[in-house]
Amino acid sequence: MIKITGTAGPILSVNAAIMARDVTKAFGQGETALKALDNVSCEIRTGEFFTLLGPSGCGKTTLLRLIAGFEMPTAGQILIDGQDVTGQPPNRRAVNTVFQSYALFPHLSVAENVGFGLKMQGRPRAEIAATVREMLALVKLEALAGRRTGQLSGGQQQRVALARALAPRPKVLLLDEPLSALDLKLRKEMQVELKRLQTETGITFVFVTHDQEEALTMSDRIAVMSAGKIQQIGVPREIYTAPVNRFVADFIGETNFIPATAVPGGAKLADGTVLPAEGEGSLLIIRPEQLRLLPAAADGALPATVESVVYFGTDTHVHLALEDGTKLTARVPSPADGHSGHAPGQRIGLGFAPGAARLIRE
């Protein structure tokens, strides 16, 4: 058993497909050098759907390119299946990549695109034909095998790119924001399809995205990145319900932040009110869906004033202000008639379920 300590704490190598050890990537030299990655360590387990999540410029695509071999680290190591591949070119690594642009060959048919990599490897014709049939069945495009890729929709083109990348049966499939060019409805459909493909093939998927919903719905684990560092690694539920700092809490979903002081068993607000809370730090977080709107005189309720009410169809967002001016948002199910029963200026009380409030670091 190997232990690695990285920016997100100790990591145990249990059946690791990929390991990054103290990886730094700097562009430029000297004082003007830009650190895209700053001493990053992480482990990606065999057969999992692992997502690198963060805003533009956080280092997630750079880490993916280091794994693929398109970039070399300034310092540190990349291991695939326990083998140090840090200095190896892409064609000597057991990985394949699906890019945002798909990079399909317009003069080739769907089947020829899928089999292109196998042909370049010199595989026998019979093997190529059998693999192409298998891959097209996997992505449900058998009927379009003879069609040119320019005649396909965006979603179909993405499936061809996936089939082509899966055809050589790589140990790891790297996906660099492959859904970003699709419209919202198709993107949601392809989220389901990607997870299905990963489950059916058992291949390790490493997925790069800035979309928190994609990360939460598809991933076995998520690494949240910011400013070239990994802020937190965990399963989606852990990342959402127990963020380690303000950046993670703010980037993953909507969050209410209330300045507070940790006291035994809870959090003390500026007005002296003590609320039950877990964790430690100087910020109290409560997700909007965890807030309960109560009568102003309800026992133990936190006094607040309604500032605005915004209807979102299935949900209604009620924007509130505490007595010290702290702004909060509550998200409540919309009633059948679309009216929440709340209006600007109304005095109400706020409550929340046990375990909903958590103290975190700045």
Protein backbone atom coordinates (compact mmCIF):
# COMPACT_ATOMS: atom_id res chain seq x y z
CA MET A 1 0.00 0.00 0.00
CA ILE A 2 1.43 3.36 -1.05
CA LYS A 3 0.47 6.55 0.73
CA ILE A 4 0.60 9.91 -0.98
CA THR A 5 -0.05 13.25 0.64
CA GLY A 6 -1.35 15.96 -1.67
CA THR A 7 -3.16 19.25 -1.49
CA ALA A 8 -6.40 17.47 -0.65
CA GLY A 9 -4.91 15.42 2.20
CA PRO A 10 -3.68 11.82 2.39
CA ILE A 11 -4.52 9.57 -0.54
CA LEU A 12 -4.35 5.79 -0.47
CA SER A 13 -3.47 3.98 -3.69
CA VAL A 14 -6.10 1.27 -3.86
CA ASN A 15 -6.30 -0.23 -7.35
CA ALA A 16 -5.16 3.03 -8.94
CA ALA A 17 -5.43 3.49 -12.70
CA ILE A 18 -3.73 6.91 -12.58
CA MET A 19 -1.61 8.62 -9.97
CA ALA A 20 -0.31 12.18 -10.07
CA ARG A 21 2.54 12.72 -7.61
CA ASP A 22 3.42 16.27 -6.60
CA VAL A 23 2.83 17.52 -10.14
CA THR A 24 3.69 21.09 -11.05
CA LYS A 25 3.30 22.62 -14.49
CA ALA A 26 4.67 26.09 -15.17
CA PHE A 27 4.49 28.00 -18.43
CA GLY A 28 7.37 30.43 -18.91
CA GLN A 29 10.40 30.92 -16.72
CA GLY A 30 11.55 32.93 -13.74
CA GLU A 31 9.34 35.40 -11.95
CA THR A 32 6.95 35.69 -14.89
CA ALA A 33 6.26 31.93 -15.01
CA LEU A 34 2.61 30.96 -14.72
CA LYS A 35 1.90 27.91 -12.56
CA ALA A 36 -1.03 26.12 -14.15
CA LEU A 37 -0.62 23.30 -11.62
CA ASP A 38 0.97 23.75 -8.21
CA ASN A 39 2.18 20.55 -6.48
CA VAL A 40 -0.95 18.50 -7.27
CA SER A 41 -1.36 14.92 -6.10
CA CYS A 42 -4.36 12.70 -6.74
CA GLU A 43 -5.37 9.12 -7.43
CA ILE A 44 -7.91 7.90 -9.96
CA ARG A 45 -9.15 4.40 -9.30
CA THR A 46 -9.54 1.69 -11.90
CA GLY A 47 -13.03 1.56 -13.37
CA GLU A 48 -14.36 4.79 -11.91
CA PHE A 49 -15.86 7.88 -13.48
CA PHE A 50 -13.60 10.63 -12.13
CA THR A 51 -14.29 14.29 -12.85
CA LEU A 52 -11.93 17.26 -12.75
CA LEU A 53 -14.22 20.20 -12.01
CA GLY A 54 -13.47 23.90 -11.81
CA PRO A 55 -13.66 27.28 -13.53
CA SER A 56 -11.64 28.29 -16.57
CA GLY A 57 -7.94 28.56 -15.78
CA CYS A 58 -8.05 26.33 -12.70
CA GLY A 59 -5.68 23.72 -14.17
CA LYS A 60 -8.10 20.88 -14.92
CA THR A 61 -7.36 20.66 -18.66
CA THR A 62 -3.63 20.99 -18.00
CA LEU A 63 -3.79 17.98 -15.66
CA LEU A 64 -5.72 16.02 -18.31
CA ARG A 65 -3.09 16.89 -20.93
CA LEU A 66 -0.31 15.74 -18.59
CA ILE A 67 -2.09 12.40 -18.16
CA ALA A 68 -2.50 12.12 -21.96
CA GLY A 69 1.14 13.03 -22.60
CA PHE A 70 0.40 16.17 -24.63
CA GLU A 71 2.27 18.19 -22.00
CA MET A 72 5.17 17.25 -19.73
CA PRO A 73 5.23 18.31 -16.06
CA THR A 74 7.75 20.83 -14.79
CA ALA A 75 8.06 18.64 -11.70
CA GLY A 76 6.43 15.49 -10.36
CA GLN A 77 5.32 12.17 -11.85
CA ILE A 78 2.39 10.67 -13.74
CA LEU A 79 1.79 6.94 -13.26
CA ILE A 80 -0.62 4.77 -15.25
CA ASP A 81 -1.30 1.29 -13.91
CA GLY A 82 1.63 1.77 -11.54
CA GLN A 83 4.10 2.54 -14.35
CA ASP A 84 5.88 5.89 -14.49
CA VAL A 85 4.94 7.39 -17.88
CA THR A 86 6.05 10.96 -17.11
CA GLY A 87 8.39 11.23 -20.10
CA GLN A 88 6.49 9.00 -22.52
CA PRO A 89 4.71 10.40 -25.61
CA PRO A 90 0.92 9.97 -26.01
CA ASN A 91 1.17 6.97 -28.36
CA ARG A 92 2.97 4.94 -25.68
CA ARG A 93 0.29 5.48 -23.03
CA ALA A 94 -2.73 3.21 -22.59
CA VAL A 95 -5.13 6.16 -22.81
CA ASN A 96 -7.32 7.74 -25.45
CA THR A 97 -8.81 11.23 -25.59
CA VAL A 98 -12.14 12.68 -26.72
CA PHE A 99 -11.78 16.38 -27.45
CA GLN A 100 -14.35 19.14 -27.33
CA SER A 101 -14.21 19.48 -31.13
CA TYR A 102 -14.57 15.67 -31.78
CA ALA A 103 -12.00 15.96 -34.66
CA LEU A 104 -13.85 13.54 -36.97
CA PHE A 105 -12.75 12.96 -40.58
CA PRO A 106 -15.48 14.40 -42.86
CA HIS A 107 -14.38 12.39 -45.92
CA LEU A 108 -14.77 9.07 -44.06
CA SER A 109 -17.95 7.22 -43.12
CA VAL A 110 -19.01 6.66 -39.53
CA ALA A 111 -17.65 3.11 -39.61
CA GLU A 112 -14.35 4.25 -41.16
CA ASN A 113 -13.96 6.93 -38.49
CA VAL A 114 -14.51 4.38 -35.73
CA GLY A 115 -12.03 1.96 -37.23
CA PHE A 116 -9.39 4.54 -38.16
CA GLY A 117 -7.23 4.10 -35.06
CA LEU A 118 -7.31 0.33 -35.36
CA LYS A 119 -6.29 0.57 -39.00
CA MET A 120 -3.31 2.78 -38.07
CA GLN A 121 -2.29 0.13 -35.54
CA GLY A 122 -2.24 -2.49 -38.30
CA ARG A 123 -5.02 -4.63 -36.84
CA PRO A 124 -6.43 -7.40 -39.10
CA ARG A 125 -9.43 -6.41 -41.24
CA ALA A 126 -11.69 -8.97 -39.61
CA GLU A 127 -10.82 -7.69 -36.15
CA ILE A 128 -11.41 -4.09 -37.22
CA ALA A 129 -14.81 -4.94 -38.72
CA ALA A 130 -15.89 -6.86 -35.62
CA THR A 131 -14.74 -4.09 -33.27
CA VAL A 132 -16.45 -1.39 -35.33
CA ARG A 133 -19.73 -3.33 -35.22
CA GLU A 134 -19.36 -3.75 -31.46
CA MET A 135 -18.61 -0.07 -30.86
CA LEU A 136 -21.43 1.17 -33.08
CA ALA A 137 -23.84 -1.11 -31.21
CA LEU A 138 -22.51 0.26 -27.93
CA VAL A 139 -23.26 3.86 -28.95
CA LYS A 140 -26.46 2.86 -30.81
CA LEU A 141 -25.37 4.01 -34.27
CA GLU A 142 -25.43 0.74 -36.24
CA ALA A 143 -27.93 2.12 -38.75
CA LEU A 144 -25.63 5.05 -39.60
CA ALA A 145 -22.45 3.08 -40.25
CA GLY A 146 -22.22 4.14 -43.90
CA ARG A 147 -23.14 7.79 -43.45
CA ARG A 148 -20.62 10.64 -43.64
CA THR A 149 -20.04 12.44 -40.34
CA GLY A 150 -21.06 15.80 -41.81
CA GLN A 151 -24.58 14.40 -42.19
CA LEU A 152 -24.91 13.71 -38.45
CA SER A 153 -26.29 15.79 -35.60
CA GLY A 154 -24.02 17.08 -32.87
CA GLY A 155 -25.04 14.32 -30.51
CA GLN A 156 -24.46 11.64 -33.15
CA GLN A 157 -21.02 13.07 -33.95
CA GLN A 158 -20.12 12.92 -30.29
CA ARG A 159 -21.14 9.25 -30.17
CA VAL A 160 -18.89 8.54 -33.17
CA ALA A 161 -15.99 10.25 -31.40
CA LEU A 162 -16.65 8.14 -28.29
CA ALA A 163 -16.84 4.93 -30.32
CA ARG A 164 -13.57 5.75 -32.08
CA ALA A 165 -11.84 6.45 -28.77
CA LEU A 166 -13.20 3.25 -27.18
CA ALA A 167 -12.39 0.99 -30.14
CA PRO A 168 -8.72 0.33 -29.16
CA ARG A 169 -9.97 -0.55 -25.66
CA PRO A 170 -7.81 1.92 -23.74
CA LYS A 171 -7.34 1.47 -20.02
CA VAL A 172 -8.29 5.13 -19.52
CA LEU A 173 -10.54 7.41 -21.56
CA LEU A 174 -9.90 11.13 -21.16
CA LEU A 175 -12.78 13.49 -22.00
CA ASP A 176 -12.06 17.20 -22.36
CA GLU A 177 -15.42 19.00 -21.99
CA PRO A 178 -17.01 16.87 -24.75
CA LEU A 179 -20.57 18.08 -24.06
CA SER A 180 -19.98 21.83 -24.09
CA ALA A 181 -21.00 22.33 -27.74
CA LEU A 182 -24.37 20.59 -27.32
CA ASP A 183 -27.67 22.27 -26.49
CA LEU A 184 -29.09 21.82 -22.98
CA LYS A 185 -31.53 18.99 -23.71
CA LEU A 186 -29.02 16.98 -25.74
CA ARG A 187 -26.32 17.62 -23.14
CA LYS A 188 -28.53 16.08 -20.44
CA GLU A 189 -29.26 13.06 -22.66
CA MET A 190 -25.56 12.56 -23.32
CA GLN A 191 -24.77 12.74 -19.61
CA VAL A 192 -26.87 9.61 -19.19
CA GLU A 193 -25.25 7.99 -22.23
CA LEU A 194 -21.71 8.69 -21.03
CA LYS A 195 -22.39 7.14 -17.65
CA ARG A 196 -23.98 4.13 -19.34
CA LEU A 197 -20.96 3.66 -21.60
CA GLN A 198 -18.56 3.89 -18.68
CA THR A 199 -20.57 1.37 -16.66
CA GLU A 200 -20.89 -1.10 -19.56
CA THR A 201 -17.25 -0.94 -20.64
CA GLY A 202 -15.71 -0.73 -17.16
CA ILE A 203 -13.07 1.65 -18.56
CA THR A 204 -11.73 4.39 -16.30
CA PHE A 205 -13.19 7.73 -17.44
CA VAL A 206 -11.49 11.02 -16.57
CA PHE A 207 -13.88 13.84 -17.41
CA VAL A 208 -13.08 17.56 -17.47
CA THR A 209 -15.89 20.08 -17.03
CA HIS A 210 -16.78 23.45 -15.53
CA ASP A 211 -20.43 22.36 -15.21
CA GLN A 212 -21.28 21.37 -11.65
CA GLU A 213 -24.47 19.55 -12.69
CA GLU A 214 -22.54 17.31 -15.10
CA ALA A 215 -20.06 16.51 -12.36
CA LEU A 216 -22.69 15.72 -9.74
CA THR A 217 -24.89 13.56 -11.98
CA MET A 218 -22.21 11.41 -13.65
CA SER A 219 -19.22 11.11 -11.33
CA ASP A 220 -18.17 8.42 -8.89
CA ARG A 221 -15.77 11.00 -7.43
CA ILE A 222 -15.00 14.65 -8.13
CA ALA A 223 -11.84 16.70 -7.75
CA VAL A 224 -12.73 20.39 -7.37
CA MET A 225 -9.88 22.59 -8.61
CA SER A 226 -9.01 26.26 -8.24
CA ALA A 227 -5.86 28.26 -9.02
CA GLY A 228 -3.81 25.19 -9.95
CA LYS A 229 -4.64 23.25 -6.80
CA ILE A 230 -7.09 20.53 -5.82
CA GLN A 231 -9.38 21.96 -3.17
CA GLN A 232 -11.32 18.78 -2.38
CA ILE A 233 -11.78 15.23 -3.65
CA GLY A 234 -14.85 13.21 -2.76
CA VAL A 235 -18.06 11.54 -3.88
CA PRO A 236 -20.72 13.95 -5.19
CA ARG A 237 -22.82 13.85 -2.02
CA GLU A 238 -19.78 14.63 0.15
CA ILE A 239 -18.68 17.50 -2.08
CA TYR A 240 -22.17 19.01 -1.97
CA THR A 241 -23.09 18.46 1.68
CA ALA A 242 -19.65 18.80 3.31
CA PRO A 243 -17.51 21.27 1.31
CA VAL A 244 -14.16 21.99 2.95
CA ASN A 245 -14.00 25.73 2.20
CA ARG A 246 -15.86 28.69 0.75
CA PHE A 247 -14.66 28.13 -2.82
CA VAL A 248 -16.03 24.57 -2.98
CA ALA A 249 -19.30 25.52 -1.28
CA ASP A 250 -19.80 28.46 -3.62
CA PHE A 251 -18.81 26.65 -6.82
CA ILE A 252 -20.97 23.57 -6.19
CA GLY A 253 -24.59 24.67 -6.20
CA GLU A 254 -26.12 27.67 -4.50
CA THR A 255 -25.13 28.40 -0.91
CA ASN A 256 -26.04 30.85 1.83
CA PHE A 257 -23.08 32.20 3.80
CA ILE A 258 -23.49 33.60 7.32
CA PRO A 259 -20.52 34.93 9.33
CA ALA A 260 -20.33 32.98 12.59
CA THR A 261 -18.09 31.83 15.40
CA ALA A 262 -17.69 28.18 16.31
CA VAL A 263 -18.97 27.33 19.81
CA PRO A 264 -19.49 23.90 21.42
CA GLY A 265 -22.24 22.16 19.46
CA GLY A 266 -22.95 24.94 17.03
CA ALA A 267 -22.33 28.36 15.52
CA LYS A 268 -22.76 31.77 17.15
CA LEU A 269 -24.06 34.55 14.90
CA ALA A 270 -23.20 38.25 15.21
CA ASP A 271 -26.38 38.96 17.24
CA GLY A 272 -25.54 36.22 19.74
CA THR A 273 -27.95 33.61 18.34
CA VAL A 274 -26.53 30.09 18.56
CA LEU A 275 -27.56 27.64 15.85
CA PRO A 276 -26.83 23.89 15.78
CA ALA A 277 -24.09 23.20 13.22
CA GLU A 278 -21.39 20.70 12.38
CA GLY A 279 -17.84 21.38 11.19
CA GLU A 280 -15.44 24.15 12.10
CA GLY A 281 -14.52 27.56 10.73
CA SER A 282 -15.88 31.09 10.59
CA LEU A 283 -18.58 30.70 7.91
CA LEU A 284 -21.93 29.04 8.41
CA ILE A 285 -23.42 27.58 5.22
CA ILE A 286 -26.98 26.48 4.58
CA ARG A 287 -28.18 25.38 1.14
CA PRO A 288 -31.30 27.24 -0.10
CA GLU A 289 -33.37 24.06 -0.30
CA GLN A 290 -32.62 23.34 3.38
CA LEU A 291 -34.17 26.57 4.66
CA ARG A 292 -37.73 26.36 5.98
CA LEU A 293 -40.04 29.39 5.92
CA LEU A 294 -41.95 29.63 9.21
CA PRO A 295 -44.30 32.11 10.88
CA ALA A 296 -42.43 35.07 12.39
CA ALA A 297 -43.40 34.02 15.92
CA ALA A 298 -42.39 30.34 15.57
CA ASP A 299 -40.31 29.04 18.48
CA GLY A 300 -36.58 29.04 17.73
CA ALA A 301 -37.03 30.63 14.29
CA LEU A 302 -34.42 33.05 12.96
CA PRO A 303 -36.11 36.41 12.22
CA ALA A 304 -35.94 37.55 8.59
CA THR A 305 -37.63 39.87 6.11
CA VAL A 306 -38.70 38.89 2.58
CA GLU A 307 -37.02 41.09 -0.04
CA SER A 308 -38.24 39.48 -3.27
CA VAL A 309 -39.93 36.37 -4.61
CA VAL A 310 -38.87 34.82 -7.95
CA TYR A 311 -40.86 32.06 -9.66
CA PHE A 312 -38.78 29.37 -11.47
CA GLY A 313 -41.48 26.90 -12.43
CA THR A 314 -40.98 23.88 -10.20
CA ASP A 315 -39.24 26.04 -7.57
CA THR A 316 -39.70 29.49 -6.12
CA HIS A 317 -36.73 31.47 -4.77
CA VAL A 318 -37.48 33.66 -1.78
CA HIS A 319 -34.75 36.26 -1.18
CA LEU A 320 -34.42 37.29 2.46
CA ALA A 321 -32.48 39.54 4.81
CA LEU A 322 -31.58 38.78 8.41
CA GLU A 323 -31.81 41.55 10.99
CA ASP A 324 -28.08 42.31 10.60
CA GLY A 325 -28.50 42.67 6.82
CA THR A 326 -27.08 39.26 5.81
CA LYS A 327 -28.72 38.15 2.55
CA LEU A 328 -30.12 34.62 2.20
CA THR A 329 -32.08 32.69 -0.40
CA ALA A 330 -34.63 29.96 0.31
CA ARG A 331 -35.73 27.59 -2.44
CA VAL A 332 -39.19 26.14 -1.91
CA PRO A 333 -41.45 23.99 -4.13
CA SER A 334 -43.88 26.09 -6.17
CA PRO A 335 -47.55 25.44 -5.35
CA ALA A 336 -49.98 24.55 -8.12
CA ASP A 337 -51.16 28.14 -8.55
CA GLY A 338 -47.59 29.47 -8.69
CA HIS A 339 -48.00 31.75 -5.64
CA SER A 340 -45.72 31.07 -2.68
CA GLY A 341 -47.80 33.08 -0.23
CA HIS A 342 -44.88 35.41 0.54
CA ALA A 343 -44.42 39.05 -0.44
CA PRO A 344 -41.69 41.71 -0.16
CA GLY A 345 -41.58 43.32 3.28
CA GLN A 346 -43.17 40.33 5.02
CA ARG A 347 -41.66 39.31 8.35
CA ILE A 348 -41.08 35.57 8.66
CA GLY A 349 -39.04 33.05 10.62
CA LEU A 350 -36.37 30.71 9.26
CA GLY A 351 -35.65 27.17 10.32
CA PHE A 352 -33.74 24.19 8.95
CA ALA A 353 -33.48 20.46 9.48
CA PRO A 354 -30.83 18.96 11.80
CA GLY A 355 -27.49 18.63 10.00
CA ALA A 356 -28.38 21.20 7.34
CA ALA A 357 -26.07 23.92 8.71
CA ARG A 358 -22.32 23.51 8.55
CA LEU A 359 -19.30 25.58 9.57
CA ILE A 360 -16.49 25.81 6.98
CA ARG A 361 -13.22 27.66 6.43
CA GLU A 362 -12.96 30.81 4.33
